[in-house]
Amino acid sequence: MSSVVVLLFTGVSGAQMLGTSARQMEAKSWKGILFYQGVHRQDLNFKVAGNGICNTKENGTGVSFACGENGSVRAHGTGNALILKLVRQPHDGGLQLYGWAGAGDYEIFRGTAPVMQTLSMNRGGFLGGLGAKMVIWPETIVTPAIALDGNLGWQRYFGGLRLDILQYQFAVEASRKFGVPDSRLTVEPYGGVKWLRTHAWLREIGSGVRVGGVKDTVTPFIGLNLPFHAKESLFAEASFVNGIHYAGGLSISFGN
């Protein structure tokens, strides 16, 4: 990307995992969630532009794109992050407020073995965001809980280039708690549908050249909450559209 605008790319990040069911919390209570979040083989689309040799190489390594290529260039991405999420139920209503922050990395791959090119954000990065959930239908004996969830997130990764990602996400979620027969254990499966809009920019730090794109994704998701104490539980969550997105971690509730 040394002297030209290199590529336009879209859809560089996975959906933000919820990590919580549609259940209403106690008024004035908190919940802390520490979890790992990953994405594997996410599909990416690149559009080449400019003159001469277009590439993302730094010191001879990276992903290169010949400027003679036309239309979209296919690639895929893999990323990891460790995230802490805090959730607050401020009153007796169905509204929950939350925020999260974490650190992670991301790699872009193009080609197939043995000819595989990689753009690695090997200096790491950070991510964070804010959101709100509204329980619109509390769980009853015969019906599941239903909630609406919306959040705004931002990510930044560093390598030879800088990758910035701004995301808007909206989800409809349902959950239901079940007792395990002949035990005191319970399980709480949850799931729903997410809509995600991703704005992504790739910037060469030295020259200031920046390119970017926008992508919309709609994906179903599934999760399972496993309480093992009155205030603690484990969870796992996944979605499978545009790569495999997955998360798992520990949730701890705090009284009012």
Protein backbone atom coordinates (compact mmCIF):
# COMPACT_ATOMS: atom_id res chain seq x y z
CA MET A 1 0.00 0.00 0.00
CA SER A 2 3.12 2.14 -0.33
CA SER A 3 1.95 4.69 -2.91
CA VAL A 4 -1.66 4.01 -3.88
CA VAL A 5 -5.10 3.37 -2.54
CA VAL A 6 -4.96 -0.38 -2.36
CA LEU A 7 -8.22 -2.04 -1.62
CA LEU A 8 -11.76 -1.58 -0.42
CA PHE A 9 -12.78 -4.22 2.07
CA THR A 10 -15.97 -4.97 3.98
CA GLY A 11 -17.11 -7.20 6.78
CA VAL A 12 -13.89 -7.55 8.75
CA SER A 13 -15.31 -8.44 12.14
CA GLY A 14 -17.63 -10.95 13.74
CA ALA A 15 -20.83 -10.18 15.60
CA GLN A 16 -20.60 -9.12 19.23
CA MET A 17 -21.63 -12.03 21.44
CA LEU A 18 -24.39 -11.28 23.97
CA GLY A 19 -23.32 -13.68 26.71
CA THR A 20 -26.67 -13.26 28.52
CA SER A 21 -30.16 -14.68 28.17
CA ALA A 22 -33.41 -12.72 27.86
CA ARG A 23 -34.09 -13.10 31.58
CA GLN A 24 -34.74 -10.00 33.71
CA MET A 25 -32.26 -9.36 36.53
CA GLU A 26 -33.01 -8.14 40.05
CA ALA A 27 -33.52 -4.39 40.41
CA LYS A 28 -30.30 -2.43 41.08
CA SER A 29 -28.16 -5.53 40.58
CA TRP A 30 -24.96 -6.01 38.55
CA LYS A 31 -23.58 -8.85 36.48
CA GLY A 32 -19.94 -9.29 35.45
CA ILE A 33 -19.08 -11.54 32.50
CA LEU A 34 -15.53 -12.54 31.57
CA PHE A 35 -15.33 -14.43 28.29
CA TYR A 36 -13.29 -15.45 25.27
CA GLN A 37 -14.68 -14.51 21.84
CA GLY A 38 -13.40 -15.82 18.52
CA VAL A 39 -14.15 -15.91 14.80
CA HIS A 40 -12.86 -18.53 12.35
CA ARG A 41 -12.71 -18.29 8.54
CA GLN A 42 -14.91 -15.23 8.21
CA ASP A 43 -15.52 -14.37 4.56
CA LEU A 44 -14.06 -11.03 3.46
CA ASN A 45 -14.51 -9.13 0.20
CA PHE A 46 -11.78 -6.88 -1.27
CA LYS A 47 -11.95 -4.55 -4.25
CA VAL A 48 -8.62 -3.55 -5.80
CA ALA A 49 -7.96 0.00 -7.06
CA GLY A 50 -4.97 2.21 -7.93
CA ASN A 51 -1.90 2.09 -10.18
CA GLY A 52 1.15 -0.15 -10.19
CA ILE A 53 1.51 -2.90 -7.60
CA CYS A 54 -1.13 -2.78 -4.89
CA ASN A 55 -0.24 -4.56 -1.66
CA THR A 56 -0.42 -4.50 2.09
CA LYS A 57 3.18 -5.63 2.56
CA GLU A 58 5.49 -4.41 5.28
CA ASN A 59 9.18 -5.33 4.90
CA GLY A 60 8.30 -7.82 2.19
CA THR A 61 5.59 -9.67 4.09
CA GLY A 62 1.83 -9.42 4.06
CA VAL A 63 -1.05 -9.77 1.60
CA SER A 64 -0.56 -8.44 -1.94
CA PHE A 65 -3.13 -7.63 -4.62
CA ALA A 66 -2.24 -7.10 -8.27
CA CYS A 67 -3.89 -3.93 -9.57
CA GLY A 68 -4.97 -5.76 -12.71
CA GLU A 69 -7.47 -7.79 -10.72
CA ASN A 70 -11.09 -6.85 -11.31
CA GLY A 71 -14.13 -6.97 -9.07
CA SER A 72 -14.15 -8.53 -5.63
CA VAL A 73 -11.18 -10.47 -4.29
CA ARG A 74 -12.06 -13.19 -1.78
CA ALA A 75 -10.21 -13.71 1.51
CA HIS A 76 -11.04 -14.79 5.03
CA GLY A 77 -10.22 -13.71 8.56
CA THR A 78 -9.63 -15.20 11.99
CA GLY A 79 -9.59 -13.33 15.30
CA ASN A 80 -9.53 -13.77 19.08
CA ALA A 81 -10.41 -11.52 22.03
CA LEU A 82 -10.71 -11.62 25.81
CA ILE A 83 -13.58 -9.40 27.00
CA LEU A 84 -15.03 -8.15 30.30
CA LYS A 85 -18.71 -7.12 30.16
CA LEU A 86 -20.62 -5.36 32.96
CA VAL A 87 -24.45 -5.37 33.02
CA ARG A 88 -26.64 -3.17 35.23
CA GLN A 89 -30.37 -3.53 35.97
CA PRO A 90 -31.14 -0.02 37.29
CA HIS A 91 -34.76 -0.59 38.37
CA ASP A 92 -37.70 -3.00 38.37
CA GLY A 93 -38.49 -2.45 34.69
CA GLY A 94 -37.14 -4.58 31.87
CA LEU A 95 -34.25 -2.27 30.92
CA GLN A 96 -30.63 -3.43 31.32
CA LEU A 97 -27.59 -1.28 30.48
CA TYR A 98 -24.15 -2.69 29.74
CA GLY A 99 -20.65 -1.94 28.52
CA TRP A 100 -17.64 -4.07 27.59
CA ALA A 101 -13.91 -3.75 26.96
CA GLY A 102 -11.20 -6.17 25.92
CA ALA A 103 -8.08 -6.94 23.93
CA GLY A 104 -7.50 -9.17 20.92
CA ASP A 105 -5.91 -9.78 17.53
CA TYR A 106 -6.96 -10.40 13.92
CA GLU A 107 -5.45 -11.99 10.81
CA ILE A 108 -6.50 -11.82 7.15
CA PHE A 109 -5.70 -14.79 4.88
CA ARG A 110 -5.74 -14.99 1.10
CA GLY A 111 -5.05 -18.01 -1.09
CA THR A 112 -4.69 -21.69 -0.26
CA ALA A 113 -1.83 -23.85 1.00
CA PRO A 114 1.03 -23.89 0.14
CA VAL A 115 0.58 -20.38 -1.36
CA MET A 116 -1.04 -18.53 1.56
CA GLN A 117 -0.66 -14.79 2.19
CA THR A 118 -1.34 -13.35 5.64
CA LEU A 119 -1.92 -9.83 6.95
CA SER A 120 -1.44 -10.15 10.71
CA MET A 121 -2.38 -7.47 13.23
CA ASN A 122 0.49 -8.88 15.31
CA ARG A 123 0.76 -5.87 17.62
CA GLY A 124 -2.67 -6.66 19.02
CA GLY A 125 -5.58 -4.34 19.53
CA PHE A 126 -8.47 -3.39 21.77
CA LEU A 127 -12.25 -3.26 21.57
CA GLY A 128 -15.17 -1.92 23.56
CA GLY A 129 -18.73 -0.71 23.41
CA LEU A 130 -22.04 0.17 25.06
CA GLY A 131 -25.50 -1.29 24.76
CA ALA A 132 -28.96 -1.80 26.23
CA LYS A 133 -31.38 -4.69 26.51
CA MET A 134 -35.13 -4.44 27.04
CA VAL A 135 -37.08 -7.45 28.31
CA ILE A 136 -40.40 -7.08 26.53
CA TRP A 137 -41.91 -10.39 27.70
CA PRO A 138 -40.83 -11.92 31.03
CA GLU A 139 -40.65 -15.71 31.26
CA THR A 140 -43.79 -17.48 32.48
CA ILE A 141 -44.61 -21.12 33.23
CA VAL A 142 -45.60 -21.69 29.59
CA THR A 143 -43.76 -19.01 27.58
CA PRO A 144 -40.10 -18.01 27.15
CA ALA A 145 -38.63 -14.61 27.97
CA ILE A 146 -38.21 -12.30 24.97
CA ALA A 147 -35.85 -9.31 24.80
CA LEU A 148 -34.57 -6.72 22.35
CA ASP A 149 -30.85 -5.91 22.45
CA GLY A 150 -28.94 -3.08 20.73
CA ASN A 151 -25.30 -2.05 20.99
CA LEU A 152 -22.55 0.07 19.46
CA GLY A 153 -18.99 -1.28 19.38
CA TRP A 154 -15.56 -0.15 18.20
CA GLN A 155 -12.35 -2.12 17.56
CA ARG A 156 -8.78 -1.12 16.62
CA TYR A 157 -5.94 -3.48 15.64
CA PHE A 158 -2.31 -2.74 14.81
CA GLY A 159 0.20 -4.38 12.49
CA GLY A 160 2.01 -2.86 9.53
CA LEU A 161 -1.36 -1.15 9.02
CA ARG A 162 -4.13 0.00 11.37
CA LEU A 163 -7.54 -1.63 11.22
CA ASP A 164 -10.55 0.24 12.69
CA ILE A 165 -14.02 -1.29 12.94
CA LEU A 166 -17.27 0.42 13.96
CA GLN A 167 -20.31 -1.82 14.48
CA TYR A 168 -24.03 -1.42 15.11
CA GLN A 169 -25.88 -4.54 16.23
CA PHE A 170 -29.55 -5.26 16.94
CA ALA A 171 -30.83 -8.61 18.23
CA VAL A 172 -34.13 -10.28 19.07
CA GLU A 173 -33.57 -12.92 21.74
CA ALA A 174 -35.64 -15.57 23.54
CA SER A 175 -34.69 -17.84 26.46
CA ARG A 176 -36.23 -20.37 28.82
CA LYS A 177 -34.90 -21.98 32.01
CA PHE A 178 -35.44 -25.72 32.54
CA GLY A 179 -34.80 -27.90 35.56
CA VAL A 180 -32.71 -31.04 35.13
CA PRO A 181 -34.77 -34.08 36.24
CA ASP A 182 -33.76 -35.67 39.55
CA SER A 183 -31.34 -32.86 40.42
CA ARG A 184 -31.19 -29.24 41.54
CA LEU A 185 -29.41 -28.22 38.36
CA THR A 186 -30.94 -25.96 35.72
CA VAL A 187 -30.10 -25.13 32.12
CA GLU A 188 -31.13 -22.03 30.19
CA PRO A 189 -30.89 -22.24 26.39
CA TYR A 190 -31.25 -18.97 24.49
CA GLY A 191 -31.13 -17.81 20.90
CA GLY A 192 -32.48 -15.45 18.30
CA VAL A 193 -31.49 -13.37 15.30
CA LYS A 194 -28.91 -10.56 14.97
CA TRP A 195 -28.56 -7.79 12.41
CA LEU A 196 -25.07 -6.32 12.23
CA ARG A 197 -23.70 -3.36 10.23
CA THR A 198 -19.89 -3.16 10.07
CA HIS A 199 -17.89 -0.10 8.95
CA ALA A 200 -14.21 -1.04 8.49
CA TRP A 201 -11.17 1.09 7.60
CA LEU A 202 -7.61 0.02 6.82
CA ARG A 203 -5.02 2.78 7.18
CA GLU A 204 -1.33 2.94 6.34
CA ILE A 205 0.09 4.81 9.34
CA GLY A 206 3.07 6.36 7.56
CA SER A 207 1.31 7.80 4.52
CA GLY A 208 -2.15 8.28 6.02
CA VAL A 209 -3.80 6.46 3.08
CA ARG A 210 -7.11 5.02 4.28
CA VAL A 211 -9.70 2.82 2.60
CA GLY A 212 -12.83 1.18 3.94
CA GLY A 213 -16.21 -0.34 3.39
CA VAL A 214 -19.57 -1.30 4.88
CA LYS A 215 -21.26 -4.69 5.20
CA ASP A 216 -24.63 -5.83 6.61
CA THR A 217 -25.04 -9.31 8.07
CA VAL A 218 -28.09 -11.14 9.42
CA THR A 219 -27.40 -14.28 11.42
CA PRO A 220 -29.20 -16.58 13.85
CA PHE A 221 -27.41 -17.35 17.11
CA ILE A 222 -27.72 -19.96 19.85
CA GLY A 223 -26.42 -20.07 23.41
CA LEU A 224 -26.60 -22.03 26.64
CA ASN A 225 -26.40 -20.69 30.19
CA LEU A 226 -25.40 -23.22 32.89
CA PRO A 227 -25.92 -21.95 36.48
CA PHE A 228 -23.77 -23.82 38.99
CA HIS A 229 -24.41 -21.56 42.00
CA ALA A 230 -26.99 -18.97 43.03
CA LYS A 231 -24.84 -16.16 41.60
CA GLU A 232 -22.44 -17.88 39.16
CA SER A 233 -22.93 -19.53 35.80
CA LEU A 234 -21.07 -20.62 32.68
CA PHE A 235 -22.19 -19.85 29.15
CA ALA A 236 -21.41 -20.77 25.54
CA GLU A 237 -22.70 -19.00 22.43
CA ALA A 238 -22.22 -19.36 18.67
CA SER A 239 -23.41 -18.20 15.25
CA PHE A 240 -22.53 -19.66 11.86
CA VAL A 241 -23.25 -17.11 9.11
CA ASN A 242 -20.17 -15.55 7.45
CA GLY A 243 -17.72 -17.75 9.34
CA ILE A 244 -17.96 -19.45 12.73
CA HIS A 245 -18.34 -17.02 15.63
CA TYR A 246 -18.14 -18.41 19.16
CA ALA A 247 -17.72 -17.37 22.79
CA GLY A 248 -17.60 -18.90 26.24
CA GLY A 249 -17.01 -17.66 29.76
CA LEU A 250 -18.04 -17.06 33.35
CA SER A 251 -20.86 -14.86 34.65
CA ILE A 252 -21.11 -13.57 38.26
CA SER A 253 -24.12 -11.65 39.62
CA PHE A 254 -23.93 -9.03 42.38
CA GLY A 255 -26.84 -8.09 44.62
CA ASN A 256 -28.46 -4.65 44.81
